[in-house]
Amino acid sequence: VIANPVLNSACQVWQRGTSTSLAANTSAYTADRWYASTGVNQAATISRQATGDTTNLPNIQYCARFQRNSGQTGTGNVFFAQSFESINSIQFAGKTVTLSFYARAGANYSAASSALSFYVSSGTGTDQNVGGAGFTGQATVGVVTATLTTTWQRFTVSGTVSASATQLGVYTIFTPT
């Protein structure tokens, strides 16, 4: 069994503060190891929230909320991602990986078809960032498009990492309406 490379997966550690204001068309780190990226007219706030669900999520205290600010009208893709260092990624080369996560829609979630796409990607470079320009030789290992409701749901994505992969990253994409 190989160790989980996702660091701060429960969004417990926020050394930069538990709320980050993101200007339109920028990227910034939020919860430790996680970063977000917005497009034109997509200023947003990413904040730590209590899950508030001791029944479905008894061991998960916090989550990250990605919220486009009121009055913003941009409809390009919005990202929330984590890239793993090459030293932590190489061990997955040629192996099947499975990632599971919980997600729910907020009261004003406005993605097309209530969809949230979640990707696992690999690359052949060294210590690059999956967002922005992406990885050298970037390939999709697995993707799941989840239809969110206002109740916490568990989703899973699996795929086989290329034998030549030297880095991995995970990210969500949604397209606000």
Protein backbone atom coordinates (compact mmCIF):
# COMPACT_ATOMS: atom_id res chain seq x y z
CA VAL A 1 0.00 0.00 0.00
CA ILE A 2 1.34 3.42 -0.98
CA ALA A 3 0.73 6.44 1.24
CA ASN A 4 -1.87 9.04 0.32
CA PRO A 5 -0.08 11.97 -1.37
CA VAL A 6 -2.93 14.46 -0.78
CA LEU A 7 -1.78 16.74 2.00
CA ASN A 8 -4.26 18.65 4.15
CA SER A 9 -7.12 16.77 2.52
CA ALA A 10 -9.47 17.68 5.37
CA CYS A 11 -8.67 21.41 5.00
CA GLN A 12 -7.66 21.68 8.65
CA VAL A 13 -4.49 23.76 8.21
CA TRP A 14 -4.79 27.36 6.93
CA GLN A 15 -1.54 29.14 7.85
CA ARG A 16 -2.42 32.09 5.58
CA GLY A 17 -5.74 32.63 7.41
CA THR A 18 -9.04 30.79 7.13
CA SER A 19 -10.41 33.02 4.38
CA THR A 20 -8.77 34.15 1.14
CA SER A 21 -10.14 36.84 -1.15
CA LEU A 22 -9.18 36.17 -4.74
CA ALA A 23 -9.32 38.96 -7.30
CA ALA A 24 -10.72 38.18 -10.73
CA ASN A 25 -8.32 36.44 -13.13
CA THR A 26 -5.76 35.45 -10.48
CA SER A 27 -4.43 32.44 -8.57
CA ALA A 28 -3.56 32.16 -4.89
CA TYR A 29 -2.80 29.59 -2.22
CA THR A 30 -5.63 29.08 0.26
CA ALA A 31 -5.66 26.12 2.66
CA ASP A 32 -2.13 24.75 3.02
CA ARG A 33 -1.10 22.89 -0.17
CA TRP A 34 -4.26 24.00 -2.04
CA TYR A 35 -4.57 26.83 -4.51
CA ALA A 36 -7.43 28.38 -6.41
CA SER A 37 -7.66 30.14 -9.74
CA THR A 38 -10.35 32.45 -11.12
CA GLY A 39 -11.08 33.95 -14.52
CA VAL A 40 -12.29 37.32 -15.79
CA ASN A 41 -15.15 38.75 -13.66
CA GLN A 42 -14.80 35.90 -11.15
CA ALA A 43 -13.53 37.45 -7.92
CA ALA A 44 -14.11 34.84 -5.23
CA THR A 45 -13.69 34.00 -1.58
CA ILE A 46 -12.28 30.66 -0.46
CA SER A 47 -12.86 29.93 3.22
CA ARG A 48 -12.67 27.18 5.80
CA GLN A 49 -16.10 26.03 6.93
CA ALA A 50 -17.26 23.49 9.49
CA THR A 51 -18.84 20.54 7.68
CA GLY A 52 -21.64 20.53 10.23
CA ASP A 53 -22.48 16.88 9.46
CA THR A 54 -21.57 14.43 12.20
CA THR A 55 -23.78 11.72 10.63
CA ASN A 56 -22.38 11.45 7.09
CA LEU A 57 -18.93 12.93 7.88
CA PRO A 58 -18.20 11.91 11.47
CA ASN A 59 -14.42 12.28 11.12
CA ILE A 60 -14.26 15.33 8.85
CA GLN A 61 -14.52 18.60 10.73
CA TYR A 62 -13.70 21.15 7.99
CA CYS A 63 -14.09 21.76 4.29
CA ALA A 64 -13.16 24.51 1.84
CA ARG A 65 -15.89 26.70 0.40
CA PHE A 66 -15.19 28.29 -2.98
CA GLN A 67 -17.68 31.11 -3.54
CA ARG A 68 -17.82 33.54 -6.45
CA ASN A 69 -18.46 36.99 -5.00
CA SER A 70 -21.82 38.69 -5.45
CA GLY A 71 -22.08 40.64 -8.70
CA GLN A 72 -19.37 38.66 -10.50
CA THR A 73 -20.54 37.46 -13.92
CA GLY A 74 -17.61 35.48 -15.34
CA THR A 75 -18.48 32.07 -16.75
CA GLY A 76 -15.01 30.62 -17.44
CA ASN A 77 -13.62 27.62 -15.60
CA VAL A 78 -12.71 28.04 -11.93
CA PHE A 79 -10.07 25.73 -10.37
CA PHE A 80 -9.21 24.40 -6.91
CA ALA A 81 -6.11 22.21 -7.00
CA GLN A 82 -3.12 20.54 -5.38
CA SER A 83 0.09 19.44 -7.10
CA PHE A 84 2.36 16.82 -5.56
CA GLU A 85 6.14 17.07 -5.62
CA SER A 86 7.85 14.67 -8.00
CA ILE A 87 9.48 12.78 -5.12
CA ASN A 88 5.97 11.96 -3.82
CA SER A 89 4.54 11.22 -7.29
CA ILE A 90 7.07 8.83 -8.83
CA GLN A 91 5.94 5.94 -6.61
CA PHE A 92 2.58 5.94 -8.44
CA ALA A 93 4.05 5.47 -11.95
CA GLY A 94 2.44 2.48 -13.67
CA LYS A 95 -0.04 1.94 -10.82
CA THR A 96 -3.81 2.24 -10.56
CA VAL A 97 -4.87 5.03 -8.21
CA THR A 98 -8.22 5.74 -6.61
CA LEU A 99 -9.21 9.02 -5.07
CA SER A 100 -12.41 9.59 -3.15
CA PHE A 101 -13.78 12.86 -1.87
CA TYR A 102 -16.91 14.44 -0.43
CA ALA A 103 -18.65 17.43 -1.98
CA ARG A 104 -21.91 19.32 -1.78
CA ALA A 105 -23.41 22.40 -3.34
CA GLY A 106 -23.95 25.56 -1.35
CA ALA A 107 -27.30 27.32 -1.31
CA ASN A 108 -26.36 29.54 -4.28
CA TYR A 109 -24.25 27.08 -6.29
CA SER A 110 -24.58 28.07 -9.94
CA ALA A 111 -22.53 25.66 -12.01
CA ALA A 112 -23.88 24.39 -15.31
CA SER A 113 -26.10 21.36 -14.51
CA SER A 114 -24.91 21.50 -10.87
CA ALA A 115 -21.76 19.80 -12.15
CA LEU A 116 -18.33 19.67 -10.52
CA SER A 117 -15.56 17.88 -12.43
CA PHE A 118 -12.72 16.33 -10.46
CA TYR A 119 -9.47 15.29 -12.18
CA VAL A 120 -6.38 13.31 -11.36
CA SER A 121 -3.61 14.27 -13.79
CA SER A 122 -0.04 13.18 -14.34
CA GLY A 123 2.94 14.73 -16.06
CA THR A 124 6.52 14.03 -17.04
CA GLY A 125 8.23 17.16 -15.71
CA THR A 126 9.65 17.91 -12.28
CA ASP A 127 7.82 19.74 -9.49
CA GLN A 128 5.50 21.70 -11.75
CA ASN A 129 2.04 23.07 -11.00
CA VAL A 130 -1.00 21.31 -12.49
CA GLY A 131 -2.82 24.64 -12.83
CA GLY A 132 -1.94 27.51 -15.10
CA ALA A 133 0.32 26.15 -17.84
CA GLY A 134 -0.08 22.62 -16.46
CA PHE A 135 2.41 19.77 -16.37
CA THR A 136 4.85 18.91 -19.12
CA GLY A 137 3.29 15.94 -20.93
CA GLN A 138 0.08 16.33 -18.93
CA ALA A 139 -2.36 13.42 -19.16
CA THR A 140 -5.66 12.74 -17.46
CA VAL A 141 -5.43 9.70 -15.19
CA GLY A 142 -9.10 9.84 -14.20
CA VAL A 143 -12.04 12.21 -14.15
CA VAL A 144 -15.47 12.17 -12.57
CA THR A 145 -18.18 14.76 -13.11
CA ALA A 146 -20.35 14.92 -10.03
CA THR A 147 -23.86 16.31 -9.94
CA LEU A 148 -24.00 18.10 -6.62
CA THR A 149 -26.90 18.46 -4.25
CA THR A 150 -26.98 20.35 -0.95
CA THR A 151 -26.29 17.06 0.91
CA TRP A 152 -22.74 15.72 1.34
CA GLN A 153 -22.02 12.94 -1.16
CA ARG A 154 -18.98 10.73 -1.67
CA PHE A 155 -17.46 10.51 -5.14
CA THR A 156 -14.65 8.31 -6.45
CA VAL A 157 -12.32 8.54 -9.44
CA SER A 158 -9.83 5.85 -10.53
CA GLY A 159 -7.28 5.46 -13.28
CA THR A 160 -3.87 4.08 -14.16
CA VAL A 161 -0.88 6.41 -14.01
CA SER A 162 1.52 6.20 -16.96
CA ALA A 163 4.75 4.31 -16.27
CA SER A 164 6.66 7.44 -17.38
CA ALA A 165 4.83 9.83 -15.01
CA THR A 166 6.97 11.85 -12.62
CA GLN A 167 4.30 14.06 -11.09
CA LEU A 168 0.64 14.00 -10.07
CA GLY A 169 -1.98 16.56 -9.21
CA VAL A 170 -5.67 16.72 -8.36
CA TYR A 171 -8.07 19.51 -9.20
CA THR A 172 -11.70 20.45 -9.44
CA ILE A 173 -13.20 22.52 -12.21
CA PHE A 174 -16.58 24.11 -12.32
CA THR A 175 -18.08 26.57 -14.76
CA PRO A 176 -20.34 29.12 -13.07
CA THR A 177 -23.45 30.32 -14.83
